N, C-alpha and C. Protein backbone atom coordinates (compact mmCIF):
# COMPACT_ATOMS: atom_id res chain seq x y z
N MET A 1 20.23 61.55 123.27
CA MET A 1 20.19 62.99 123.27
C MET A 1 18.79 63.41 122.81
N SER A 2 18.16 64.27 123.57
CA SER A 2 16.80 64.70 123.25
C SER A 2 16.85 65.87 122.27
N LEU A 3 15.69 66.16 121.70
CA LEU A 3 15.58 67.23 120.73
C LEU A 3 15.82 68.59 121.39
N ALA A 4 15.42 68.76 122.65
CA ALA A 4 15.61 70.03 123.37
C ALA A 4 17.10 70.29 123.60
N LYS A 5 17.86 69.24 123.99
CA LYS A 5 19.30 69.41 124.21
C LYS A 5 20.01 69.75 122.89
N LEU A 6 19.58 69.11 121.81
CA LEU A 6 20.18 69.37 120.51
C LEU A 6 19.92 70.81 120.07
N GLN A 7 18.69 71.31 120.35
CA GLN A 7 18.35 72.68 119.99
C GLN A 7 19.18 73.68 120.79
N LYS A 8 19.36 73.43 122.09
CA LYS A 8 20.16 74.33 122.93
C LYS A 8 21.62 74.34 122.45
N GLN A 9 22.17 73.17 122.11
CA GLN A 9 23.55 73.07 121.63
C GLN A 9 23.72 73.84 120.33
N LEU A 10 22.73 73.75 119.44
CA LEU A 10 22.77 74.44 118.17
C LEU A 10 22.76 75.96 118.37
N VAL A 11 21.92 76.44 119.28
CA VAL A 11 21.86 77.87 119.56
C VAL A 11 23.18 78.36 120.14
N ARG A 12 23.80 77.58 121.06
CA ARG A 12 25.10 77.96 121.64
C ARG A 12 26.19 78.04 120.57
N ASP A 13 26.18 77.08 119.66
CA ASP A 13 27.20 77.06 118.59
C ASP A 13 27.02 78.24 117.63
N ILE A 14 25.78 78.60 117.37
CA ILE A 14 25.52 79.74 116.47
C ILE A 14 26.00 81.03 117.12
N LYS A 15 25.77 81.18 118.43
CA LYS A 15 26.21 82.40 119.12
C LYS A 15 27.73 82.44 119.24
N ARG A 16 28.37 81.29 119.40
CA ARG A 16 29.82 81.23 119.57
C ARG A 16 30.54 81.62 118.27
N SER A 17 30.10 81.08 117.11
CA SER A 17 30.75 81.42 115.83
C SER A 17 29.66 81.53 114.75
N PRO A 18 29.15 82.71 114.55
CA PRO A 18 28.08 82.90 113.57
C PRO A 18 28.54 82.71 112.12
N GLY A 19 29.82 82.96 111.81
CA GLY A 19 30.33 82.77 110.44
C GLY A 19 30.29 81.32 110.02
N LYS A 20 30.75 80.43 110.92
CA LYS A 20 30.73 78.99 110.62
C LYS A 20 29.29 78.51 110.49
N ALA A 21 28.40 79.02 111.33
CA ALA A 21 27.00 78.61 111.28
C ALA A 21 26.36 79.04 109.96
N ALA A 22 26.70 80.22 109.47
CA ALA A 22 26.15 80.70 108.20
C ALA A 22 26.62 79.83 107.04
N ILE A 23 27.90 79.48 107.06
CA ILE A 23 28.44 78.62 105.99
C ILE A 23 27.76 77.26 106.03
N LEU A 24 27.61 76.66 107.22
CA LEU A 24 26.94 75.37 107.33
C LEU A 24 25.49 75.46 106.88
N GLY A 25 24.82 76.57 107.17
CA GLY A 25 23.44 76.74 106.73
C GLY A 25 23.32 76.80 105.22
N VAL A 26 24.23 77.52 104.58
CA VAL A 26 24.22 77.61 103.12
C VAL A 26 24.49 76.24 102.51
N LEU A 27 25.46 75.51 103.04
CA LEU A 27 25.77 74.17 102.53
C LEU A 27 24.58 73.23 102.70
N PHE A 28 23.85 73.37 103.81
CA PHE A 28 22.67 72.53 104.06
C PHE A 28 21.59 72.83 103.02
N VAL A 29 21.36 74.10 102.70
CA VAL A 29 20.34 74.47 101.71
C VAL A 29 20.74 73.95 100.32
N VAL A 30 22.01 74.06 99.97
CA VAL A 30 22.48 73.56 98.67
C VAL A 30 22.31 72.05 98.59
N ALA A 31 22.63 71.34 99.67
CA ALA A 31 22.49 69.89 99.68
C ALA A 31 21.03 69.49 99.51
N ILE A 32 20.14 70.18 100.17
CA ILE A 32 18.70 69.87 100.02
C ILE A 32 18.26 70.14 98.59
N TYR A 33 18.75 71.24 98.00
CA TYR A 33 18.38 71.60 96.63
C TYR A 33 18.74 70.48 95.65
N PHE A 34 19.92 69.87 95.83
CA PHE A 34 20.35 68.83 94.90
C PHE A 34 19.82 67.44 95.27
N TRP A 35 19.67 67.15 96.53
CA TRP A 35 19.26 65.81 96.95
C TRP A 35 17.76 65.62 96.94
N ALA A 36 16.96 66.66 97.12
CA ALA A 36 15.50 66.50 97.19
C ALA A 36 14.91 65.88 95.93
N PRO A 37 15.24 66.36 94.71
CA PRO A 37 14.67 65.73 93.52
C PRO A 37 15.08 64.26 93.37
N LEU A 38 16.28 63.95 93.79
CA LEU A 38 16.75 62.57 93.68
C LEU A 38 15.98 61.66 94.63
N VAL A 39 15.81 62.11 95.86
CA VAL A 39 15.09 61.30 96.83
C VAL A 39 13.63 61.18 96.44
N LEU A 40 13.03 62.25 95.94
CA LEU A 40 11.64 62.19 95.49
C LEU A 40 11.49 61.26 94.29
N GLY A 41 12.48 61.24 93.42
CA GLY A 41 12.45 60.34 92.27
C GLY A 41 12.49 58.89 92.68
N TRP A 42 13.22 58.58 93.75
CA TRP A 42 13.29 57.21 94.25
C TRP A 42 11.95 56.79 94.86
N SER A 43 11.31 57.72 95.53
CA SER A 43 10.10 57.36 96.26
C SER A 43 8.89 57.23 95.34
N GLN A 44 8.86 57.93 94.21
CA GLN A 44 7.72 57.83 93.31
C GLN A 44 7.87 56.61 92.43
N LYS A 45 6.73 56.05 92.05
CA LYS A 45 6.75 54.91 91.14
C LYS A 45 7.16 55.39 89.77
N GLU A 46 7.80 54.53 89.04
CA GLU A 46 8.26 54.89 87.71
C GLU A 46 7.06 54.98 86.78
N GLN A 47 6.90 56.11 86.13
CA GLN A 47 5.79 56.31 85.22
C GLN A 47 6.28 56.08 83.79
N PRO A 48 5.40 55.57 82.92
CA PRO A 48 5.83 55.36 81.53
C PRO A 48 6.16 56.69 80.88
N LYS A 49 7.22 56.68 80.10
CA LYS A 49 7.64 57.90 79.42
C LYS A 49 6.69 58.19 78.28
N LYS A 50 6.43 59.48 78.07
CA LYS A 50 5.55 59.89 76.99
C LYS A 50 6.33 59.86 75.68
N SER A 51 5.64 59.53 74.61
CA SER A 51 6.25 59.47 73.30
C SER A 51 6.56 60.88 72.83
N SER A 52 7.63 61.04 72.14
CA SER A 52 8.02 62.35 71.63
C SER A 52 7.62 62.53 70.18
N LEU A 53 6.61 61.75 69.71
CA LEU A 53 6.17 61.88 68.33
C LEU A 53 5.36 63.16 68.17
N VAL A 54 5.56 63.84 67.07
CA VAL A 54 4.80 65.05 66.77
C VAL A 54 3.66 64.64 65.87
N VAL A 55 2.43 64.91 66.30
CA VAL A 55 1.25 64.54 65.51
C VAL A 55 0.75 65.79 64.81
N GLU A 56 0.72 65.73 63.48
CA GLU A 56 0.23 66.86 62.72
C GLU A 56 -1.28 66.79 62.63
N ALA A 57 -1.90 67.92 62.41
CA ALA A 57 -3.36 67.97 62.30
C ALA A 57 -3.82 67.17 61.11
N GLY A 58 -4.85 66.36 61.31
CA GLY A 58 -5.42 65.58 60.23
C GLY A 58 -4.74 64.25 60.01
N MET A 59 -3.66 63.98 60.68
CA MET A 59 -2.95 62.72 60.52
C MET A 59 -3.51 61.71 61.51
N PRO A 60 -3.79 60.52 61.07
CA PRO A 60 -4.26 59.52 62.03
C PRO A 60 -3.12 59.11 62.95
N THR A 61 -3.46 58.92 64.20
CA THR A 61 -2.44 58.52 65.18
C THR A 61 -2.49 57.02 65.37
N ALA A 62 -1.36 56.44 65.44
CA ALA A 62 -1.27 55.00 65.68
C ALA A 62 -0.21 54.79 66.73
N ALA A 63 -0.46 53.84 67.57
CA ALA A 63 0.51 53.54 68.61
C ALA A 63 1.73 52.91 67.97
N PRO A 64 2.91 53.35 68.37
CA PRO A 64 4.10 52.74 67.78
C PRO A 64 4.24 51.29 68.21
N ALA A 65 4.75 50.50 67.29
CA ALA A 65 4.92 49.08 67.58
C ALA A 65 5.99 48.91 68.64
N PRO A 66 5.75 48.04 69.60
CA PRO A 66 6.75 47.84 70.64
C PRO A 66 7.99 47.16 70.06
N ILE A 67 9.13 47.55 70.59
CA ILE A 67 10.39 46.97 70.14
C ILE A 67 10.65 45.72 70.97
N VAL A 68 10.73 44.62 70.28
CA VAL A 68 10.95 43.35 70.95
C VAL A 68 12.38 42.91 70.65
N PRO A 69 13.19 42.73 71.68
CA PRO A 69 14.56 42.29 71.41
C PRO A 69 14.56 40.87 70.89
N THR A 70 15.41 40.66 69.88
CA THR A 70 15.52 39.32 69.32
C THR A 70 16.67 38.61 70.00
N ALA A 71 16.53 37.35 70.13
CA ALA A 71 17.57 36.55 70.76
C ALA A 71 18.75 36.44 69.81
N ALA A 72 19.93 36.68 70.32
CA ALA A 72 21.13 36.60 69.49
C ALA A 72 21.47 35.15 69.21
N LYS A 73 21.79 34.90 67.95
CA LYS A 73 22.15 33.54 67.57
C LYS A 73 23.56 33.26 68.07
N GLU A 74 23.71 32.19 68.77
CA GLU A 74 25.03 31.82 69.27
C GLU A 74 25.80 31.12 68.16
N ILE A 75 27.03 31.57 67.97
CA ILE A 75 27.88 30.93 66.96
C ILE A 75 29.16 30.46 67.63
N SER A 76 29.75 29.49 67.06
CA SER A 76 31.00 28.97 67.63
C SER A 76 32.15 29.88 67.23
N TRP A 77 33.26 29.73 67.91
CA TRP A 77 34.41 30.58 67.62
C TRP A 77 34.97 30.29 66.24
N LYS A 78 34.79 29.07 65.75
CA LYS A 78 35.28 28.73 64.41
C LYS A 78 34.47 29.48 63.35
N GLU A 79 33.16 29.57 63.55
CA GLU A 79 32.33 30.31 62.61
C GLU A 79 32.67 31.80 62.64
N LEU A 80 32.97 32.32 63.83
CA LEU A 80 33.34 33.72 63.97
C LEU A 80 34.65 34.01 63.22
N VAL A 81 35.62 33.12 63.36
CA VAL A 81 36.90 33.29 62.64
C VAL A 81 36.66 33.26 61.14
N GLN A 82 35.78 32.37 60.68
CA GLN A 82 35.48 32.28 59.26
C GLN A 82 34.81 33.55 58.77
N GLN A 83 33.90 34.13 59.57
CA GLN A 83 33.25 35.38 59.18
C GLN A 83 34.26 36.52 59.09
N ILE A 84 35.21 36.57 60.03
CA ILE A 84 36.23 37.61 60.00
C ILE A 84 37.11 37.47 58.76
N GLU A 85 37.47 36.24 58.41
CA GLU A 85 38.32 36.02 57.25
C GLU A 85 37.60 36.40 55.95
N ASN A 86 36.28 36.22 55.91
CA ASN A 86 35.52 36.52 54.69
C ASN A 86 35.07 37.98 54.62
N ASP A 87 35.19 38.71 55.69
CA ASP A 87 34.75 40.11 55.72
C ASP A 87 35.77 40.97 54.97
N PRO A 88 35.34 41.68 53.91
CA PRO A 88 36.31 42.50 53.15
C PRO A 88 36.87 43.66 53.96
N ARG A 89 36.15 44.11 54.99
CA ARG A 89 36.67 45.21 55.81
C ARG A 89 37.77 44.75 56.75
N MET A 90 37.95 43.46 56.93
CA MET A 90 38.96 42.94 57.83
C MET A 90 40.20 42.43 57.09
N GLN A 91 40.26 42.64 55.77
CA GLN A 91 41.39 42.16 54.99
C GLN A 91 42.56 43.11 55.10
N THR A 92 43.74 42.60 55.00
CA THR A 92 44.96 43.40 55.03
C THR A 92 45.07 44.20 53.75
N ALA A 93 45.40 45.45 53.87
CA ALA A 93 45.54 46.31 52.69
C ALA A 93 46.83 45.96 51.96
N ALA A 94 46.76 45.96 50.65
CA ALA A 94 47.94 45.69 49.83
C ALA A 94 48.66 47.01 49.57
N LEU A 95 49.85 47.14 50.11
CA LEU A 95 50.64 48.35 49.92
C LEU A 95 51.67 48.12 48.84
N SER A 96 51.97 49.16 48.14
CA SER A 96 52.98 49.09 47.11
C SER A 96 54.35 48.93 47.76
N LEU A 97 55.23 48.21 47.10
CA LEU A 97 56.58 48.05 47.63
C LEU A 97 57.37 49.34 47.54
N LYS A 98 56.87 50.32 46.78
CA LYS A 98 57.57 51.57 46.62
C LYS A 98 57.55 52.40 47.89
N THR A 99 56.52 52.24 48.70
CA THR A 99 56.38 53.09 49.88
C THR A 99 57.11 52.48 51.06
N SER A 100 58.20 53.08 51.43
CA SER A 100 58.92 52.63 52.62
C SER A 100 58.38 53.29 53.85
N SER A 101 57.81 54.47 53.69
CA SER A 101 57.23 55.22 54.80
C SER A 101 55.89 55.77 54.33
N PRO A 102 54.82 55.59 55.11
CA PRO A 102 53.53 56.10 54.65
C PRO A 102 53.49 57.62 54.61
N PHE A 103 54.44 58.31 55.28
CA PHE A 103 54.44 59.76 55.32
C PHE A 103 55.46 60.37 54.37
N GLY A 104 56.30 59.55 53.80
CA GLY A 104 57.35 60.07 52.94
C GLY A 104 57.00 59.91 51.47
N ILE A 105 57.90 60.32 50.62
CA ILE A 105 57.73 60.21 49.18
C ILE A 105 58.37 58.90 48.76
N ALA A 106 57.70 58.18 47.90
CA ALA A 106 58.16 56.86 47.51
C ALA A 106 59.44 56.96 46.68
N ALA A 107 60.41 56.15 47.06
CA ALA A 107 61.65 56.07 46.30
C ALA A 107 61.43 55.10 45.15
N PRO A 108 62.15 55.26 44.07
CA PRO A 108 61.97 54.33 42.95
C PRO A 108 62.41 52.93 43.36
N SER A 109 61.62 51.95 42.98
CA SER A 109 61.94 50.57 43.35
C SER A 109 63.01 50.03 42.42
N THR A 110 63.60 48.94 42.82
CA THR A 110 64.65 48.33 42.00
C THR A 110 64.05 47.72 40.74
N GLU A 111 62.75 47.34 40.78
CA GLU A 111 62.12 46.79 39.60
C GLU A 111 62.05 47.85 38.50
N GLU A 112 61.68 49.09 38.86
CA GLU A 112 61.61 50.16 37.88
C GLU A 112 62.98 50.46 37.30
N GLU A 113 63.98 50.44 38.14
CA GLU A 113 65.33 50.72 37.67
C GLU A 113 65.83 49.60 36.76
N ALA A 114 65.43 48.36 37.07
CA ALA A 114 65.89 47.24 36.26
C ALA A 114 65.22 47.24 34.89
N GLU A 115 63.99 47.81 34.78
CA GLU A 115 63.29 47.83 33.51
C GLU A 115 63.91 48.81 32.52
N GLU A 116 64.61 49.84 33.02
CA GLU A 116 65.21 50.82 32.13
C GLU A 116 66.39 50.19 31.39
N PRO A 117 66.56 50.55 30.16
CA PRO A 117 67.71 50.01 29.42
C PRO A 117 69.02 50.49 30.03
N VAL A 118 70.02 49.64 29.98
CA VAL A 118 71.31 49.95 30.58
C VAL A 118 71.97 51.13 29.87
N GLU A 119 71.83 51.21 28.56
CA GLU A 119 72.48 52.31 27.86
C GLU A 119 71.85 53.65 28.20
N ALA A 120 70.56 53.67 28.58
CA ALA A 120 69.92 54.92 28.96
C ALA A 120 70.51 55.44 30.27
N VAL A 121 70.83 54.54 31.20
CA VAL A 121 71.41 54.95 32.47
C VAL A 121 72.84 55.42 32.26
N GLU A 122 73.56 54.74 31.40
CA GLU A 122 74.95 55.12 31.17
C GLU A 122 75.06 56.46 30.44
N SER A 123 74.14 56.72 29.51
CA SER A 123 74.24 57.97 28.76
C SER A 123 73.60 59.14 29.50
N GLU A 124 72.89 58.86 30.60
CA GLU A 124 72.22 59.93 31.33
C GLU A 124 73.22 60.85 31.99
N GLN A 125 72.92 62.13 31.97
CA GLN A 125 73.75 63.11 32.63
C GLN A 125 73.45 63.06 34.13
N TRP A 126 74.48 63.10 34.93
CA TRP A 126 74.26 63.14 36.37
C TRP A 126 73.77 64.53 36.74
N PRO A 127 72.85 64.59 37.71
CA PRO A 127 72.25 65.89 38.03
C PRO A 127 73.26 66.86 38.63
N ASP A 128 73.06 68.11 38.30
CA ASP A 128 73.86 69.18 38.88
C ASP A 128 73.12 69.66 40.13
N MET A 129 73.79 69.63 41.29
CA MET A 129 73.14 69.95 42.56
C MET A 129 72.64 71.40 42.60
N SER A 130 73.25 72.29 41.84
CA SER A 130 72.84 73.70 41.88
C SER A 130 71.47 73.92 41.24
N GLN A 131 71.05 73.02 40.35
CA GLN A 131 69.76 73.20 39.68
C GLN A 131 68.58 72.89 40.58
N PHE A 132 68.79 72.19 41.67
CA PHE A 132 67.68 71.77 42.53
C PHE A 132 67.36 72.76 43.64
N GLN A 133 68.21 73.68 43.92
CA GLN A 133 68.01 74.68 44.97
C GLN A 133 67.70 74.04 46.31
N LEU A 134 68.51 73.05 46.66
CA LEU A 134 68.38 72.41 47.98
C LEU A 134 69.20 73.19 48.98
N GLN A 135 68.60 73.47 50.13
CA GLN A 135 69.32 74.24 51.15
C GLN A 135 69.26 73.48 52.47
N LEU A 136 70.42 73.14 52.98
CA LEU A 136 70.54 72.47 54.27
C LEU A 136 70.60 73.54 55.34
N SER A 137 69.61 73.54 56.26
CA SER A 137 69.58 74.59 57.28
C SER A 137 70.10 74.12 58.62
N SER A 138 69.98 72.82 58.94
CA SER A 138 70.53 72.33 60.21
C SER A 138 70.66 70.82 60.19
N THR A 139 71.51 70.33 61.09
CA THR A 139 71.65 68.89 61.28
C THR A 139 71.58 68.59 62.77
N LEU A 140 71.01 67.45 63.11
CA LEU A 140 70.90 67.01 64.49
C LEU A 140 71.48 65.62 64.57
N LEU A 141 72.55 65.48 65.34
CA LEU A 141 73.24 64.21 65.45
C LEU A 141 72.97 63.62 66.82
N GLY A 142 72.10 62.64 66.88
CA GLY A 142 71.76 62.00 68.15
C GLY A 142 72.36 60.61 68.21
N PRO A 143 72.29 59.96 69.37
CA PRO A 143 72.86 58.63 69.49
C PRO A 143 72.09 57.59 68.69
N ARG A 144 70.81 57.80 68.46
CA ARG A 144 70.01 56.82 67.74
C ARG A 144 69.54 57.31 66.38
N ARG A 145 69.34 58.60 66.25
CA ARG A 145 68.83 59.16 65.00
C ARG A 145 69.64 60.37 64.59
N ARG A 146 69.78 60.52 63.30
CA ARG A 146 70.44 61.70 62.73
C ARG A 146 69.44 62.34 61.79
N ILE A 147 69.21 63.62 62.00
CA ILE A 147 68.18 64.33 61.24
C ILE A 147 68.80 65.54 60.56
N ALA A 148 68.40 65.76 59.31
CA ALA A 148 68.82 66.94 58.56
C ALA A 148 67.58 67.71 58.13
N VAL A 149 67.62 69.01 58.23
CA VAL A 149 66.51 69.86 57.78
C VAL A 149 66.91 70.46 56.45
N ILE A 150 66.23 70.01 55.39
CA ILE A 150 66.52 70.46 54.03
C ILE A 150 65.27 71.14 53.50
N ASN A 151 65.41 72.38 53.08
CA ASN A 151 64.28 73.19 52.59
C ASN A 151 63.13 73.22 53.59
N GLY A 152 63.46 73.25 54.88
CA GLY A 152 62.45 73.37 55.93
C GLY A 152 61.78 72.08 56.34
N ARG A 153 62.17 70.95 55.77
CA ARG A 153 61.55 69.67 56.12
C ARG A 153 62.60 68.74 56.72
N PRO A 154 62.26 67.99 57.78
CA PRO A 154 63.22 67.08 58.40
C PRO A 154 63.32 65.76 57.63
N TYR A 155 64.54 65.26 57.51
CA TYR A 155 64.80 63.99 56.85
C TYR A 155 65.76 63.18 57.73
N THR A 156 65.49 61.89 57.86
CA THR A 156 66.40 61.00 58.59
C THR A 156 67.22 60.23 57.57
N GLU A 157 68.24 59.55 58.06
CA GLU A 157 69.07 58.76 57.15
C GLU A 157 68.23 57.65 56.54
N GLY A 158 68.30 57.50 55.23
CA GLY A 158 67.55 56.48 54.52
C GLY A 158 66.23 56.97 53.94
N SER A 159 65.82 58.18 54.27
CA SER A 159 64.53 58.67 53.77
C SER A 159 64.71 59.31 52.40
N PRO A 160 63.69 59.21 51.54
CA PRO A 160 63.78 59.80 50.20
C PRO A 160 63.56 61.30 50.23
N LEU A 161 64.19 61.99 49.30
CA LEU A 161 64.10 63.44 49.19
C LEU A 161 63.81 63.78 47.73
N GLU A 162 62.60 64.30 47.48
CA GLU A 162 62.24 64.67 46.11
C GLU A 162 62.82 66.05 45.83
N ALA A 163 63.69 66.11 44.86
CA ALA A 163 64.40 67.35 44.56
C ALA A 163 63.74 68.14 43.46
N GLY A 164 62.79 67.57 42.76
CA GLY A 164 62.13 68.26 41.66
C GLY A 164 62.51 67.64 40.33
N GLY A 165 61.64 67.77 39.37
CA GLY A 165 61.92 67.22 38.05
C GLY A 165 61.95 65.71 38.04
N GLY A 166 61.32 65.06 39.02
CA GLY A 166 61.30 63.61 39.09
C GLY A 166 62.54 63.00 39.69
N THR A 167 63.50 63.80 40.10
CA THR A 167 64.73 63.29 40.70
C THR A 167 64.50 63.09 42.18
N ILE A 168 64.74 61.86 42.63
CA ILE A 168 64.55 61.54 44.04
C ILE A 168 65.88 61.05 44.60
N PHE A 169 66.41 61.82 45.54
CA PHE A 169 67.64 61.45 46.24
C PHE A 169 67.28 60.66 47.49
N VAL A 170 68.23 59.90 47.99
CA VAL A 170 68.10 59.23 49.28
C VAL A 170 69.12 59.86 50.22
N VAL A 171 68.66 60.23 51.42
CA VAL A 171 69.59 60.80 52.39
C VAL A 171 70.43 59.65 52.93
N ALA A 172 71.66 59.54 52.45
CA ALA A 172 72.53 58.43 52.82
C ALA A 172 73.14 58.62 54.20
N ARG A 173 73.72 59.80 54.46
CA ARG A 173 74.37 60.06 55.75
C ARG A 173 74.12 61.49 56.16
N VAL A 174 73.93 61.69 57.45
CA VAL A 174 73.82 63.03 58.01
C VAL A 174 75.05 63.24 58.87
N LEU A 175 75.84 64.22 58.50
CA LEU A 175 77.08 64.52 59.22
C LEU A 175 76.98 65.91 59.82
N ASP A 176 78.02 66.35 60.49
CA ASP A 176 78.04 67.67 61.09
C ASP A 176 78.13 68.72 59.98
N ARG A 177 77.07 69.52 59.83
CA ARG A 177 76.95 70.62 58.89
C ARG A 177 76.96 70.19 57.42
N LYS A 178 76.75 68.89 57.14
CA LYS A 178 76.61 68.46 55.75
C LYS A 178 75.85 67.14 55.67
N VAL A 179 75.35 66.86 54.48
CA VAL A 179 74.55 65.66 54.22
C VAL A 179 75.08 65.02 52.94
N ILE A 180 75.15 63.70 52.96
CA ILE A 180 75.51 62.95 51.77
C ILE A 180 74.22 62.41 51.16
N LEU A 181 73.90 62.87 49.93
CA LEU A 181 72.72 62.41 49.21
C LEU A 181 73.16 61.39 48.16
N GLU A 182 72.30 60.41 47.90
CA GLU A 182 72.64 59.36 46.94
C GLU A 182 71.58 59.32 45.86
N TYR A 183 72.06 59.21 44.61
CA TYR A 183 71.15 59.09 43.47
C TYR A 183 71.70 58.03 42.54
N ARG A 184 71.01 56.91 42.45
CA ARG A 184 71.40 55.78 41.59
C ARG A 184 72.85 55.37 41.79
N GLY A 185 73.23 55.21 43.03
CA GLY A 185 74.56 54.72 43.35
C GLY A 185 75.64 55.78 43.42
N ARG A 186 75.35 56.98 43.00
CA ARG A 186 76.34 58.05 43.06
C ARG A 186 76.01 58.98 44.21
N GLN A 187 77.04 59.48 44.91
CA GLN A 187 76.83 60.30 46.09
C GLN A 187 77.13 61.77 45.79
N PHE A 188 76.31 62.62 46.42
CA PHE A 188 76.46 64.07 46.28
C PHE A 188 76.49 64.66 47.69
N GLU A 189 77.27 65.71 47.85
CA GLU A 189 77.39 66.35 49.17
C GLU A 189 76.63 67.67 49.15
N LEU A 190 75.83 67.86 50.22
CA LEU A 190 75.10 69.10 50.41
C LEU A 190 75.53 69.67 51.74
N SER A 191 76.11 70.88 51.73
CA SER A 191 76.66 71.48 52.95
C SER A 191 75.83 72.68 53.35
N MET A 192 75.94 73.00 54.65
CA MET A 192 75.29 74.20 55.15
C MET A 192 76.07 75.41 54.68
N PRO A 193 75.39 76.52 54.39
CA PRO A 193 76.12 77.71 53.95
C PRO A 193 76.97 78.28 55.10
N GLU A 194 78.13 78.82 54.74
CA GLU A 194 79.01 79.41 55.73
C GLU A 194 78.41 80.72 56.22
N ARG A 195 78.60 81.02 57.50
CA ARG A 195 78.05 82.25 58.08
C ARG A 195 79.02 83.38 57.97
């Protein structure tokens, strides 16, 4: 196809649908705008980049020392394992046995309970549930999890509940419209208020 035939075809197409020709012309200009710098960058030789150092008046200028990459020392996998074992940042953190959940409040451990004298536990008054102002607002009974919302916070079965004054209950069971709380082997019932 000669250049004259191509020119005649282009003129016929422009006369037939000038809207499409205008859109193609705009797209062609946009393509040239974006592609021209890229193509020119490929064709020019790569020039060394200028240093971005700021030279103050009166300061002697010195060429920056070239950065020479150092060869990495090859180590065996056994040495790598030894370095990992000796690195303090790679050691396992020691967690207290009191924390059953990192997001919950720690329940008292059995060691702490065993240290208390037996007569102190026997003479202790059992807590009165009315003094703690615990309010059960809803219960959710699912096939895998049971959740109770007490004082606006969700609790699952087995999670600790700090009631105040150092008293920590364990949510033993979540039932329909009530929760069984446990404190040192004794169970207390917390029910939703009647409507």
